PDB file of N, CA and C in Angstrom:
ATOM      1  N   MET A   1      10.724 132.023  84.143  1.00  0.00           N
ATOM      2  CA  MET A   1      11.487 131.104  84.212  1.00  0.00           C
ATOM      3  C   MET A   1      10.848 129.551  84.237  1.00  0.00           C
ATOM      4  N   PHE A   2      11.285 128.601  84.199  1.00  0.00           N
ATOM      5  CA  PHE A   2      10.739 127.457  83.704  1.00  0.00           C
ATOM      6  C   PHE A   2      10.424 127.010  85.044  1.00  0.00           C
ATOM      7  N   LYS A   3       8.572 126.648  85.546  1.00  0.00           N
ATOM      8  CA  LYS A   3       7.863 126.136  86.321  1.00  0.00           C
ATOM      9  C   LYS A   3       8.171 123.746  86.680  1.00  0.00           C
ATOM     10  N   LEU A   4       9.056 124.150  87.442  1.00  0.00           N
ATOM     11  CA  LEU A   4       9.306 122.641  87.858  1.00  0.00           C
ATOM     12  C   LEU A   4       8.451 121.986  88.527  1.00  0.00           C
ATOM     13  N   SER A   5       7.696 120.734  88.324  1.00  0.00           N
ATOM     14  CA  SER A   5       6.686 120.102  89.153  1.00  0.00           C
ATOM     15  C   SER A   5       7.571 119.572  89.505  1.00  0.00           C
ATOM     16  N   LYS A   6       6.835 118.310  90.677  1.00  0.00           N
ATOM     17  CA  LYS A   6       7.579 117.061  91.646  1.00  0.00           C
ATOM     18  C   LYS A   6       8.017 115.910  90.508  1.00  0.00           C
ATOM     19  N   VAL A   7       7.200 116.054  89.757  1.00  0.00           N
ATOM     20  CA  VAL A   7       7.564 114.901  88.446  1.00  0.00           C
ATOM     21  C   VAL A   7       8.291 115.313  87.666  1.00  0.00           C
ATOM     22  N   ASN A   8       8.628 116.363  87.298  1.00  0.00           N
ATOM     23  CA  ASN A   8       9.699 116.838  86.122  1.00  0.00           C
ATOM     24  C   ASN A   8      10.563 116.717  87.242  1.00  0.00           C
ATOM     25  N   ILE A   9      10.605 117.391  88.291  1.00  0.00           N
ATOM     26  CA  ILE A   9      11.827 117.129  89.109  1.00  0.00           C
ATOM     27  C   ILE A   9      12.330 116.158  89.790  1.00  0.00           C
ATOM     28  N   ALA A  10      11.345 114.465  89.825  1.00  0.00           N
ATOM     29  CA  ALA A  10      11.915 113.558  90.403  1.00  0.00           C
ATOM     30  C   ALA A  10      12.582 111.948  88.737  1.00  0.00           C
ATOM     31  N   ASN A  11      11.388 112.898  87.534  1.00  0.00           N
ATOM     32  CA  ASN A  11      11.928 112.092  86.450  1.00  0.00           C
ATOM     33  C   ASN A  11      13.217 112.621  86.099  1.00  0.00           C
ATOM     34  N   THR A  12      13.829 114.110  86.626  1.00  0.00           N
ATOM     35  CA  THR A  12      15.318 114.882  86.153  1.00  0.00           C
ATOM     36  C   THR A  12      16.193 114.124  87.142  1.00  0.00           C
ATOM     37  N   ALA A  13      15.671 113.877  88.310  1.00  0.00           N
ATOM     38  CA  ALA A  13      16.845 113.164  89.409  1.00  0.00           C
ATOM     39  C   ALA A  13      17.113 111.798  88.834  1.00  0.00           C
ATOM     40  N   LEU A  14      16.033 110.846  88.672  1.00  0.00           N
ATOM     41  CA  LEU A  14      16.092 109.754  88.062  1.00  0.00           C
ATOM     42  C   LEU A  14      16.758 109.279  87.052  1.00  0.00           C
ATOM     43  N   THR A  15      16.127 110.514  86.121  1.00  0.00           N
ATOM     44  CA  THR A  15      18.122 110.047  84.744  1.00  0.00           C
ATOM     45  C   THR A  15      18.999 110.134  85.095  1.00  0.00           C
ATOM     46  N   ILE A  16      18.980 111.476  86.065  1.00  0.00           N
ATOM     47  CA  ILE A  16      20.222 111.634  86.626  1.00  0.00           C
ATOM     48  C   ILE A  16      21.228 110.377  86.978  1.00  0.00           C
ATOM     49  N   SER A  17      20.336 109.926  87.939  1.00  0.00           N
ATOM     50  CA  SER A  17      20.909 108.782  88.525  1.00  0.00           C
ATOM     51  C   SER A  17      21.159 107.848  87.920  1.00  0.00           C
ATOM     52  N   ALA A  18      20.346 107.359  86.838  1.00  0.00           N
ATOM     53  CA  ALA A  18      20.917 106.110  85.581  1.00  0.00           C
ATOM     54  C   ALA A  18      21.437 106.687  85.342  1.00  0.00           C
ATOM     55  N   PHE A  19      22.031 107.903  84.271  1.00  0.00           N
ATOM     56  CA  PHE A  19      23.322 107.764  83.787  1.00  0.00           C
ATOM     57  C   PHE A  19      24.771 108.049  85.469  1.00  0.00           C
ATOM     58  N   ALA A  20      24.374 108.234  86.339  1.00  0.00           N
ATOM     59  CA  ALA A  20      25.296 107.876  86.742  1.00  0.00           C
ATOM     60  C   ALA A  20      25.695 106.840  86.652  1.00  0.00           C
ATOM     61  N   PHE A  21      24.411 105.842  87.398  1.00  0.00           N
ATOM     62  CA  PHE A  21      24.355 104.466  87.515  1.00  0.00           C
ATOM     63  C   PHE A  21      25.164 103.567  85.905  1.00  0.00           C
ATOM     64  N   VAL A  22      24.887 103.967  84.775  1.00  0.00           N
ATOM     65  CA  VAL A  22      25.681 103.907  82.961  1.00  0.00           C
ATOM     66  C   VAL A  22      26.780 104.195  83.589  1.00  0.00           C
ATOM     67  N   VAL A  23      27.329 104.875  83.809  1.00  0.00           N
ATOM     68  CA  VAL A  23      28.476 105.743  83.763  1.00  0.00           C
ATOM     69  C   VAL A  23      29.474 104.837  84.583  1.00  0.00           C
ATOM     70  N   TYR A  24      29.112 105.024  85.980  1.00  0.00           N
ATOM     71  CA  TYR A  24      30.060 103.750  87.317  1.00  0.00           C
ATOM     72  C   TYR A  24      30.227 102.403  87.028  1.00  0.00           C
ATOM     73  N   PHE A  25      29.063 101.575  86.095  1.00  0.00           N
ATOM     74  CA  PHE A  25      29.379 100.107  85.833  1.00  0.00           C
ATOM     75  C   PHE A  25      29.930 100.177  84.435  1.00  0.00           C
ATOM     76  N   GLY A  26      29.788 101.282  83.377  1.00  0.00           N
ATOM     77  CA  GLY A  26      30.370 101.343  82.382  1.00  0.00           C
ATOM     78  C   GLY A  26      32.366 101.261  83.082  1.00  0.00           C
ATOM     79  N   TYR A  27      32.698 102.643  83.641  1.00  0.00           N
ATOM     80  CA  TYR A  27      33.895 102.285  84.202  1.00  0.00           C
ATOM     81  C   TYR A  27      34.404 101.051  84.444  1.00  0.00           C
ATOM     82  N   SER A  28      33.552 100.394  85.415  1.00  0.00           N
ATOM     83  CA  SER A  28      33.703  99.627  86.225  1.00  0.00           C
ATOM     84  C   SER A  28      33.890  98.326  85.348  1.00  0.00           C
ATOM     85  N   ASN A  29      33.196  98.532  84.320  1.00  0.00           N
ATOM     86  CA  ASN A  29      33.695  97.150  83.249  1.00  0.00           C
ATOM     87  C   ASN A  29      34.665  97.756  82.524  1.00  0.00           C
ATOM     88  N   TYR A  30      35.037  98.458  81.961  1.00  0.00           N
ATOM     89  CA  TYR A  30      36.330  98.543  81.271  1.00  0.00           C
ATOM     90  C   TYR A  30      37.374  98.487  81.886  1.00  0.00           C
ATOM     91  N   GLN A  31      37.624  98.741  83.423  1.00  0.00           N
ATOM     92  CA  GLN A  31      38.082  98.694  84.759  1.00  0.00           C
ATOM     93  C   GLN A  31      39.034  96.747  84.621  1.00  0.00           C
ATOM     94  N   GLU A  32      37.587  96.615  84.638  1.00  0.00           N
ATOM     95  CA  GLU A  32      37.958  95.194  84.651  1.00  0.00           C
ATOM     96  C   GLU A  32      38.147  94.413  83.486  1.00  0.00           C
ATOM     97  N   LYS A  33      37.947  94.713  82.652  1.00  0.00           N
ATOM     98  CA  LYS A  33      38.558  93.640  81.089  1.00  0.00           C
ATOM     99  C   LYS A  33      39.697  94.779  80.913  1.00  0.00           C
ATOM    100  N   LYS A  34      40.211  95.759  80.786  1.00  0.00           N
ATOM    101  CA  LYS A  34      41.647  95.979  81.141  1.00  0.00           C
ATOM    102  C   LYS A  34      42.864  95.010  82.373  1.00  0.00           C
ATOM    103  N   ARG A  35      41.809  94.971  83.568  1.00  0.00           N
ATOM    104  CA  ARG A  35      42.572  94.151  84.827  1.00  0.00           C
ATOM    105  C   ARG A  35      42.612  92.884  83.633  1.00  0.00           C
ATOM    106  N   LEU A  36      41.651  91.919  83.148  1.00  0.00           N
ATOM    107  CA  LEU A  36      41.307  90.537  83.282  1.00  0.00           C
ATOM    108  C   LEU A  36      42.082  90.349  81.269  1.00  0.00           C
ATOM    109  N   GLN A  37      42.453  91.733  80.157  1.00  0.00           N
ATOM    110  CA  GLN A  37      43.250  91.045  79.533  1.00  0.00           C
ATOM    111  C   GLN A  37      45.217  91.341  79.894  1.00  0.00           C
ATOM    112  N   LYS A  38      45.383  92.426  81.271  1.00  0.00           N
ATOM    113  CA  LYS A  38      46.567  92.085  81.177  1.00  0.00           C
ATOM    114  C   LYS A  38      46.694  90.947  81.778  1.00  0.00           C
ATOM    115  N   ASP A  39      45.810  90.541  83.052  1.00  0.00           N
ATOM    116  CA  ASP A  39      45.964  88.791  83.449  1.00  0.00           C
ATOM    117  C   ASP A  39      46.588  87.821  82.257  1.00  0.00           C
ATOM    118  N   LYS A  40      45.535  87.603  81.596  1.00  0.00           N
ATOM    119  CA  LYS A  40      45.624  86.972  80.385  1.00  0.00           C
ATOM    120  C   LYS A  40      46.758  87.003  79.744  1.00  0.00           C
ATOM    121  N   ALA A  41      47.263  88.376  79.650  1.00  0.00           N
ATOM    122  CA  ALA A  41      48.723  88.228  79.238  1.00  0.00           C
ATOM    123  C   ALA A  41      50.016  87.697  79.937  1.00  0.00           C
ATOM    124  N   GLU A  42      49.324  88.342  81.290  1.00  0.00           N
ATOM    125  CA  GLU A  42      50.572  87.690  81.869  1.00  0.00           C
ATOM    126  C   GLU A  42      50.517  86.031  81.592  1.00  0.00           C
ATOM    127  N   LEU A  43      49.299  85.365  81.870  1.00  0.00           N
ATOM    128  CA  LEU A  43      49.351  83.546  81.951  1.00  0.00           C
ATOM    129  C   LEU A  43      49.336  83.792  80.317  1.00  0.00           C
ATOM    130  N   PHE A  44      49.956  83.697  79.263  1.00  0.00           N
ATOM    131  CA  PHE A  44      50.572  83.996  78.196  1.00  0.00           C
ATOM    132  C   PHE A  44      51.782  83.781  78.105  1.00  0.00           C
ATOM    133  N   GLY A  45      52.210  84.511  79.030  1.00  0.00           N
ATOM    134  CA  GLY A  45      54.144  84.880  79.294  1.00  0.00           C
ATOM    135  C   GLY A  45      54.394  83.218  80.068  1.00  0.00           C
ATOM    136  N   LYS A  46      53.389  83.191  81.215  1.00  0.00           N
ATOM    137  CA  LYS A  46      54.057  82.080  81.818  1.00  0.00           C
ATOM    138  C   LYS A  46      54.130  80.059  81.119  1.00  0.00           C
ATOM    139  N   ILE A  47      52.910  80.136  80.175  1.00  0.00           N
ATOM    140  CA  ILE A  47      52.306  79.179  79.555  1.00  0.00           C
ATOM    141  C   ILE A  47      53.380  79.009  78.421  1.00  0.00           C
ATOM    142  N   GLU A  48      53.973  80.381  77.938  1.00  0.00           N
ATOM    143  CA  GLU A  48      54.982  80.003  77.248  1.00  0.00           C
ATOM    144  C   GLU A  48      56.877  80.069  77.701  1.00  0.00           C
ATOM    145  N   GLN A  49      56.464  80.455  78.938  1.00  0.00           N
ATOM    146  CA  GLN A  49      57.755  80.154  79.595  1.00  0.00           C
ATOM    147  C   GLN A  49      57.696  78.708  80.269  1.00  0.00           C
ATOM    148  N   LEU A  50      56.554  77.863  80.045  1.00  0.00           N
ATOM    149  CA  LEU A  50      55.891  76.691  80.603  1.00  0.00           C
ATOM    150  C   LEU A  50      57.087  75.673  79.561  1.00  0.00           C
ATOM    151  N   GLU A  51      55.857  75.793  78.206  1.00  0.00           N
ATOM    152  CA  GLU A  51      56.373  75.678  77.159  1.00  0.00           C
ATOM    153  C   GLU A  51      57.880  75.485  77.107  1.00  0.00           C
ATOM    154  N   GLN A  52      58.459  76.621  76.729  1.00  0.00           N
ATOM    155  CA  GLN A  52      59.880  76.344  76.821  1.00  0.00           C
ATOM    156  C   GLN A  52      60.448  75.733  77.902  1.00  0.00           C
ATOM    157  N   ASN A  53      60.241  75.533  79.264  1.00  0.00           N
ATOM    158  CA  ASN A  53      61.315  74.495  79.834  1.00  0.00           C
ATOM    159  C   ASN A  53      60.423  73.230  80.012  1.00  0.00           C
ATOM    160  N   ILE A  54      59.441  72.753  79.074  1.00  0.00           N
ATOM    161  CA  ILE A  54      58.667  71.733  78.536  1.00  0.00           C
ATOM    162  C   ILE A  54      59.919  71.434  77.550  1.00  0.00           C
ATOM    163  N   ALA A  55      60.366  71.902  76.430  1.00  0.00           N
ATOM    164  CA  ALA A  55      60.256  71.407  75.469  1.00  0.00           C
ATOM    165  C   ALA A  55      62.428  71.363  76.134  1.00  0.00           C
ATOM    166  N   LYS A  56      62.916  72.001  76.542  1.00  0.00           N
ATOM    167  CA  LYS A  56      64.267  71.903  77.168  1.00  0.00           C
ATOM    168  C   LYS A  56      64.465  70.305  78.247  1.00  0.00           C
ATOM    169  N   ASN A  57      63.724  70.578  79.049  1.00  0.00           N
ATOM    170  CA  ASN A  57      63.510  69.422  79.558  1.00  0.00           C
ATOM    171  C   ASN A  57      63.506  67.836  78.686  1.00  0.00           C
ATOM    172  N   ASN A  58      62.597  67.886  77.834  1.00  0.00           N
ATOM    173  CA  ASN A  58      62.681  66.345  76.929  1.00  0.00           C
ATOM    174  C   ASN A  58      63.713  66.350  76.194  1.00  0.00           C
ATOM    175  N   GLN A  59      64.001  67.947  75.643  1.00  0.00           N
ATOM    176  CA  GLN A  59      65.931  67.324  75.495  1.00  0.00           C
ATOM    177  C   GLN A  59      66.501  66.974  76.286  1.00  0.00           C
ATOM    178  N   ILE A  60      66.587  67.512  77.095  1.00  0.00           N
ATOM    179  CA  ILE A  60      67.521  66.625  78.843  1.00  0.00           C
ATOM    180  C   ILE A  60      67.212  65.119  78.768  1.00  0.00           C
ATOM    181  N   ILE A  61      66.096  65.416  78.861  1.00  0.00           N
ATOM    182  CA  ILE A  61      65.738  63.623  78.901  1.00  0.00           C
ATOM    183  C   ILE A  61      66.002  62.553  77.745  1.00  0.00           C
ATOM    184  N   ALA A  62      66.289  63.083  76.902  1.00  0.00           N
ATOM    185  CA  ALA A  62      66.514  62.628  74.686  1.00  0.00           C
ATOM    186  C   ALA A  62      67.675  62.168  74.843  1.00  0.00           C
ATOM    187  N   ASP A  63      68.982  63.206  75.377  1.00  0.00           N
ATOM    188  CA  ASP A  63      69.781  63.452  75.801  1.00  0.00           C
ATOM    189  C   ASP A  63      70.342  62.085  76.338  1.00  0.00           C
ATOM    190  N   ASN A  64      69.492  61.776  77.659  1.00  0.00           N
ATOM    191  CA  ASN A  64      70.021  61.176  78.531  1.00  0.00           C
ATOM    192  C   ASN A  64      69.885  59.672  78.257  1.00  0.00           C
ATOM    193  N   GLU A  65      68.498  59.481  77.709  1.00  0.00           N
ATOM    194  CA  GLU A  65      68.547  58.171  77.110  1.00  0.00           C
ATOM    195  C   GLU A  65      69.408  57.656  76.137  1.00  0.00           C
ATOM    196  N   GLN A  66      69.802  58.809  75.198  1.00  0.00           N
ATOM    197  CA  GLN A  66      70.276  58.596  74.243  1.00  0.00           C
ATOM    198  C   GLN A  66      72.514  57.962  74.817  1.00  0.00           C
ATOM    199  N   SER A  67      72.896  58.838  75.751  1.00  0.00           N
ATOM    200  CA  SER A  67      73.811  58.091  76.900  1.00  0.00           C
ATOM    201  C   SER A  67      73.767  57.007  77.598  1.00  0.00           C
ATOM    202  N   LYS A  68      72.755  56.906  77.525  1.00  0.00           N
ATOM    203  CA  LYS A  68      72.048  55.639  78.467  1.00  0.00           C
ATOM    204  C   LYS A  68      72.270  54.385  77.475  1.00  0.00           C
ATOM    205  N   ARG A  69      71.860  54.881  76.032  1.00  0.00           N
ATOM    206  CA  ARG A  69      71.725  53.454  75.235  1.00  0.00           C
ATOM    207  C   ARG A  69      73.359  53.311  74.767  1.00  0.00           C
ATOM    208  N   GLU A  70      74.135  54.126  74.552  1.00  0.00           N
ATOM    209  CA  GLU A  70      75.647  54.322  74.467  1.00  0.00           C
ATOM    210  C   GLU A  70      76.281  53.597  75.708  1.00  0.00           C
ATOM    211  N   LEU A  71      76.022  54.258  76.866  1.00  0.00           N
ATOM    212  CA  LEU A  71      76.554  53.591  77.664  1.00  0.00           C
ATOM    213  C   LEU A  71      76.758  51.871  77.817  1.00  0.00           C
ATOM    214  N   GLU A  72      75.485  51.525  77.199  1.00  0.00           N
ATOM    215  CA  GLU A  72      75.019  49.906  77.418  1.00  0.00           C
ATOM    216  C   GLU A  72      75.800  49.449  76.567  1.00  0.00           C
ATOM    217  N   ASN A  73      75.229  50.072  75.218  1.00  0.00           N
ATOM    218  CA  ASN A  73      76.416  49.366  74.136  1.00  0.00           C
ATOM    219  C   ASN A  73      77.631  48.993  74.698  1.00  0.00           C
ATOM    220  N   GLN A  74      78.478  50.671  75.255  1.00  0.00           N
ATOM    221  CA  GLN A  74      79.770  50.176  75.908  1.00  0.00           C
ATOM    222  C   GLN A  74      80.366  48.913  76.440  1.00  0.00           C
ATOM    223  N   SER A  75      79.151  49.066  77.279  1.00  0.00           N
ATOM    224  CA  SER A  75      79.373  47.871  78.636  1.00  0.00           C
ATOM    225  C   SER A  75      79.269  46.434  78.016  1.00  0.00           C
ATOM    226  N   LEU A  76      78.298  46.312  76.865  1.00  0.00           N
ATOM    227  CA  LEU A  76      77.613  44.875  75.849  1.00  0.00           C
ATOM    228  C   LEU A  76      79.574  44.548  75.478  1.00  0.00           C
ATOM    229  N   GLU A  77      79.714  46.017  75.101  1.00  0.00           N
ATOM    230  CA  GLU A  77      81.327  45.328  73.894  1.00  0.00           C
ATOM    231  C   GLU A  77      82.578  45.006  75.248  1.00  0.00           C
ATOM    232  N   ARG A  78      82.738  45.902  76.575  1.00  0.00           N
ATOM    233  CA  ARG A  78      83.453  45.874  77.443  1.00  0.00           C
ATOM    234  C   ARG A  78      83.571  43.808  77.762  1.00  0.00           C
ATOM    235  N   GLN A  79      82.125  43.489  77.704  1.00  0.00           N
ATOM    236  CA  GLN A  79      81.592  42.527  78.343  1.00  0.00           C
ATOM    237  C   GLN A  79      82.071  41.223  77.593  1.00  0.00           C
ATOM    238  N   GLU A  80      81.971  41.383  76.441  1.00  0.00           N
ATOM    239  CA  GLU A  80      82.366  41.109  75.142  1.00  0.00           C
ATOM    240  C   GLU A  80      83.597  40.066  74.885  1.00  0.00           C
ATOM    241  N   ARG A  81      84.908  41.642  75.042  1.00  0.00           N
ATOM    242  CA  ARG A  81      85.816  41.668  75.439  1.00  0.00           C
ATOM    243  C   ARG A  81      86.671  40.639  76.652  1.00  0.00           C
ATOM    244  N   ILE A  82      85.352  41.449  77.721  1.00  0.00           N
ATOM    245  CA  ILE A  82      86.051  40.480  78.960  1.00  0.00           C
ATOM    246  C   ILE A  82      85.968  39.023  78.736  1.00  0.00           C
ATOM    247  N   ASN A  83      84.524  38.657  78.062  1.00  0.00           N
ATOM    248  CA  ASN A  83      84.819  36.811  78.245  1.00  0.00           C
ATOM    249  C   ASN A  83      85.754  36.604  77.121  1.00  0.00           C
ATOM    250  N   GLU A  84      85.844  37.238  76.059  1.00  0.00           N
ATOM    251  CA  GLU A  84      86.796  37.088  74.624  1.00  0.00           C
ATOM    252  C   GLU A  84      88.271  36.321  75.489  1.00  0.00           C
ATOM    253  N   GLN A  85      88.249  37.449  76.279  1.00  0.00           N
ATOM    254  CA  GLN A  85      89.751  37.351  77.147  1.00  0.00           C
ATOM    255  C   GLN A  85      89.910  36.335  77.896  1.00  0.00           C
ATOM    256  N   LEU A  86      89.359  35.946  78.813  1.00  0.00           N
ATOM    257  CA  LEU A  86      88.474  34.630  79.851  1.00  0.00           C
ATOM    258  C   LEU A  86      88.138  33.370  78.927  1.00  0.00           C
ATOM    259  N   LYS A  87      87.954  33.626  78.047  1.00  0.00           N
ATOM    260  CA  LYS A  87      88.193  31.901  77.574  1.00  0.00           C
ATOM    261  C   LYS A  87      88.960  31.874  77.254  1.00  0.00           C
ATOM    262  N   ASN A  88      90.206  32.634  76.829  1.00  0.00           N
ATOM    263  CA  ASN A  88      91.635  32.165  76.758  1.00  0.00           C
ATOM    264  C   ASN A  88      92.103  31.745  77.151  1.00  0.00           C
ATOM    265  N   ASN A  89      91.981  32.435  78.346  1.00  0.00           N
ATOM    266  CA  ASN A  89      92.532  32.203  79.832  1.00  0.00           C
ATOM    267  C   ASN A  89      92.310  30.714  80.494  1.00  0.00           C
ATOM    268  N   ASP A  90      93.880  30.139  80.640  1.00  0.00           N
ATOM    269  CA  ASP A  90      93.605  28.750  81.197  1.00  0.00           C
ATOM    270  C   ASP A  90      93.894  29.001  83.163  1.00  0.00           C
ATOM    271  N   CYS A  91      93.838  29.871  83.987  1.00  0.00           N
ATOM    272  CA  CYS A  91      93.798  30.578  84.896  1.00  0.00           C
ATOM    273  C   CYS A  91      93.050  29.583  85.696  1.00  0.00           C
ATOM    274  N   ALA A  92      91.628  28.769  85.630  1.00  0.00           N
ATOM    275  CA  ALA A  92      90.509  27.624  85.474  1.00  0.00           C
ATOM    276  C   ALA A  92      91.306  26.746  86.622  1.00  0.00           C
ATOM    277  N   ASN A  93      92.467  26.127  85.193  1.00  0.00           N
ATOM    278  CA  ASN A  93      93.309  25.731  85.273  1.00  0.00           C
ATOM    279  C   ASN A  93      93.971  24.854  86.155  1.00  0.00           C
ATOM    280  N   GLN A  94      94.987  26.187  86.749  1.00  0.00           N
ATOM    281  CA  GLN A  94      95.519  26.177  87.464  1.00  0.00           C
ATOM    282  C   GLN A  94      95.189  25.973  88.998  1.00  0.00           C
ATOM    283  N   PHE A  95      96.342  26.052  89.567  1.00  0.00           N
ATOM    284  CA  PHE A  95      96.472  24.902  91.062  1.00  0.00           C
ATOM    285  C   PHE A  95      96.586  25.785  92.220  1.00  0.00           C
ATOM    286  N   VAL A  96      95.860  26.282  92.893  1.00  0.00           N
ATOM    287  CA  VAL A  96      95.437  27.377  94.212  1.00  0.00           C
ATOM    288  C   VAL A  96      96.247  27.255  95.619  1.00  0.00           C
ATOM    289  N   PRO A  97      97.144  27.904  96.107  1.00  0.00           N
ATOM    290  CA  PRO A  97      97.699  27.023  97.298  1.00  0.00           C
ATOM    291  C   PRO A  97      96.146  27.336  98.028  1.00  0.00           C
ATOM    292  N   VAL A  98      96.843  25.884  98.802  1.00  0.00           N
ATOM    293  CA  VAL A  98      96.033  25.467 100.023  1.00  0.00           C
ATOM    294  C   VAL A  98      95.413  26.944 101.369  1.00  0.00           C
ATOM    295  N   SER A  99      96.626  27.244 101.389  1.00  0.00           N
ATOM    296  CA  SER A  99      97.016  28.957 102.321  1.00  0.00           C
ATOM    297  C   SER A  99      95.414  29.575 101.728  1.00  0.00           C
ATOM    298  N   ILE A 100      95.533  30.298 100.458  1.00  0.00           N
ATOM    299  CA  ILE A 100      94.859  30.984  99.816  1.00  0.00           C
ATOM    300  C   ILE A 100      93.684  30.712  99.661  1.00  0.00           C
ATOM    301  N   SER A 101      93.257  29.558  99.752  1.00  0.00           N
ATOM    302  CA  SER A 101      91.374  28.604  99.264  1.00  0.00           C
ATOM    303  C   SER A 101      91.187  28.852 100.457  1.00  0.00           C
ATOM    304  N   SER A 102      92.220  28.037 101.339  1.00  0.00           N
ATOM    305  CA  SER A 102      91.339  27.917 103.025  1.00  0.00           C
ATOM    306  C   SER A 102      91.068  29.327 103.281  1.00  0.00           C
ATOM    307  N   SER A 103      92.469  30.276 103.228  1.00  0.00           N
ATOM    308  CA  SER A 103      91.836  31.881 103.711  1.00  0.00           C
ATOM    309  C   SER A 103      89.817  32.476 102.404  1.00  0.00           C
ATOM    310  N   LEU A 104      89.726  31.728 101.591  1.00  0.00           N
ATOM    311  CA  LEU A 104      88.963  32.198 101.246  1.00  0.00           C
ATOM    312  C   LEU A 104      87.972  31.620 101.379  1.00  0.00           C
ATOM    313  N   TYR A 105      88.033  30.261 101.857  1.00  0.00           N
ATOM    314  CA  TYR A 105      87.062  29.096 102.021  1.00  0.00           C
ATOM    315  C   TYR A 105      86.353  30.120 103.354  1.00  0.00           C
ATOM    316  N   ASN A 106      87.530  30.135 104.178  1.00  0.00           N
ATOM    317  CA  ASN A 106      86.566  30.694 105.449  1.00  0.00           C
ATOM    318  C   ASN A 106      86.058  32.300 105.501  1.00  0.00           C
ATOM    319  N   ARG A 107      86.931  33.140 104.778  1.00  0.00           N
ATOM    320  CA  ARG A 107      86.030  34.706 104.757  1.00  0.00           C
ATOM    321  C   ARG A 107      85.170  34.554 103.974  1.00  0.00           C
ATOM    322  N   ALA A 108      84.270  33.438 103.295  1.00  0.00           N
ATOM    323  CA  ALA A 108      83.359  33.434 102.503  1.00  0.00           C
ATOM    324  C   ALA A 108      81.882  32.224 103.610  1.00  0.00           C
ATOM    325  N   LYS A 109      82.293  32.066 104.472  1.00  0.00           N
ATOM    326  CA  LYS A 109      82.375  31.126 105.750  1.00  0.00           C
ATOM    327  C   LYS A 109      81.820  32.125 106.582  1.00  0.00           C
ATOM    328  N   GLY A 110      82.559  32.934 106.933  1.00  0.00           N
ATOM    329  CA  GLY A 110      81.700  34.075 108.218  1.00  0.00           C
ATOM    330  C   GLY A 110      80.886  35.068 107.644  1.00  0.00           C
ATOM    331  N   LEU A 111      81.009  35.474 106.299  1.00  0.00           N
ATOM    332  CA  LEU A 111      80.681  36.296 105.504  1.00  0.00           C
ATOM    333  C   LEU A 111      78.957  35.198 105.772  1.00  0.00           C
ATOM    334  N   ARG A 112      79.108  34.118 105.113  1.00  0.00           N
ATOM    335  CA  ARG A 112      77.139  33.718 104.901  1.00  0.00           C
ATOM    336  C   ARG A 112      76.728  33.647 106.636  1.00  0.00           C
ATOM    337  N   GLN A 113      77.286  32.987 107.414  1.00  0.00           N
ATOM    338  CA  GLN A 113      77.134  33.564 109.070  1.00  0.00           C
ATOM    339  C   GLN A 113      76.649  34.736 109.763  1.00  0.00           C
ATOM    340  N   SER A 114      77.186  35.510 109.228  1.00  0.00           N
ATOM    341  CA  SER A 114      77.278  37.102 109.567  1.00  0.00           C
ATOM    342  C   SER A 114      76.163  38.003 108.755  1.00  0.00           C
ATOM    343  N   THR A 115      75.123  36.901 107.507  1.00  0.00           N
ATOM    344  CA  THR A 115      74.015  37.206 106.838  1.00  0.00           C
ATOM    345  C   THR A 115      73.139  36.500 107.271  1.00  0.00           C
ATOM    346  N   ASP A 116      73.261  35.339 107.898  1.00  0.00           N
ATOM    347  CA  ASP A 116      72.407  34.536 108.301  1.00  0.00           C
ATOM    348  C   ASP A 116      71.537  34.977 109.600  1.00  0.00           C
ATOM    349  N   THR A 117      70.339  35.298 109.309  1.00  0.00           N
ATOM    350  CA  THR A 117      69.496  35.662 109.910  1.00  0.00           C
ATOM    351  C   THR A 117      68.619  34.286 110.435  1.00  0.00           C
ATOM    352  N   SER A 118      68.619  33.540 110.629  1.00  0.00           N
ATOM    353  CA  SER A 118      67.674  32.147 110.876  1.00  0.00           C
ATOM    354  C   SER A 118      68.136  31.780 112.643  1.00  0.00           C
ATOM    355  N   LYS A 119      69.899  32.292 112.554  1.00  0.00           N
ATOM    356  CA  LYS A 119      70.183  31.654 113.800  1.00  0.00           C
ATOM    357  C   LYS A 119      70.702  32.648 114.939  1.00  0.00           C
ATOM    358  N   PRO A 120      70.043  32.552 115.991  1.00  0.00           N
ATOM    359  CA  PRO A 120      70.854  34.024 117.107  1.00  0.00           C
ATOM    360  C   PRO A 120      72.529  34.042 117.529  1.00  0.00           C
ATOM    361  N   ILE A 121      72.431  35.534 117.120  1.00  0.00           N
ATOM    362  CA  ILE A 121      73.786  36.323 117.024  1.00  0.00           C
ATOM    363  C   ILE A 121      74.315  35.711 118.528  1.00  0.00           C
ATOM    364  N   LYS A 122      75.683  35.078 118.856  1.00  0.00           N
ATOM    365  CA  LYS A 122      75.996  34.865 119.874  1.00  0.00           C
ATOM    366  C   LYS A 122      76.840  35.552 120.907  1.00  0.00           C
TER     367      LYS A 122
END
């Protein structure tokens, strides 16, 4: 039989403890690495999704800008047509009946008075 001394027992216990310690931290490190890889994959997926959303939003913005320019151009064309039609219209030289001009004058006067904040309301 083997005769074990206290030093041998202590060394054996220390070796076993060190081995267990290394195995525990090695396994813990392995699990942490797996978790980090999973988190990394999830984050890359989210980043990819955000990049797709950004690309879609940028396209929407570009489309809206194009539509805005088209509407501005249409508006300018219409305004030019209206101005051309008004230029050839003789309505400014025509007589307006007194009843209509008085009614319009009183309406405008009432609107000006209702928006005048310098005078107290009676």
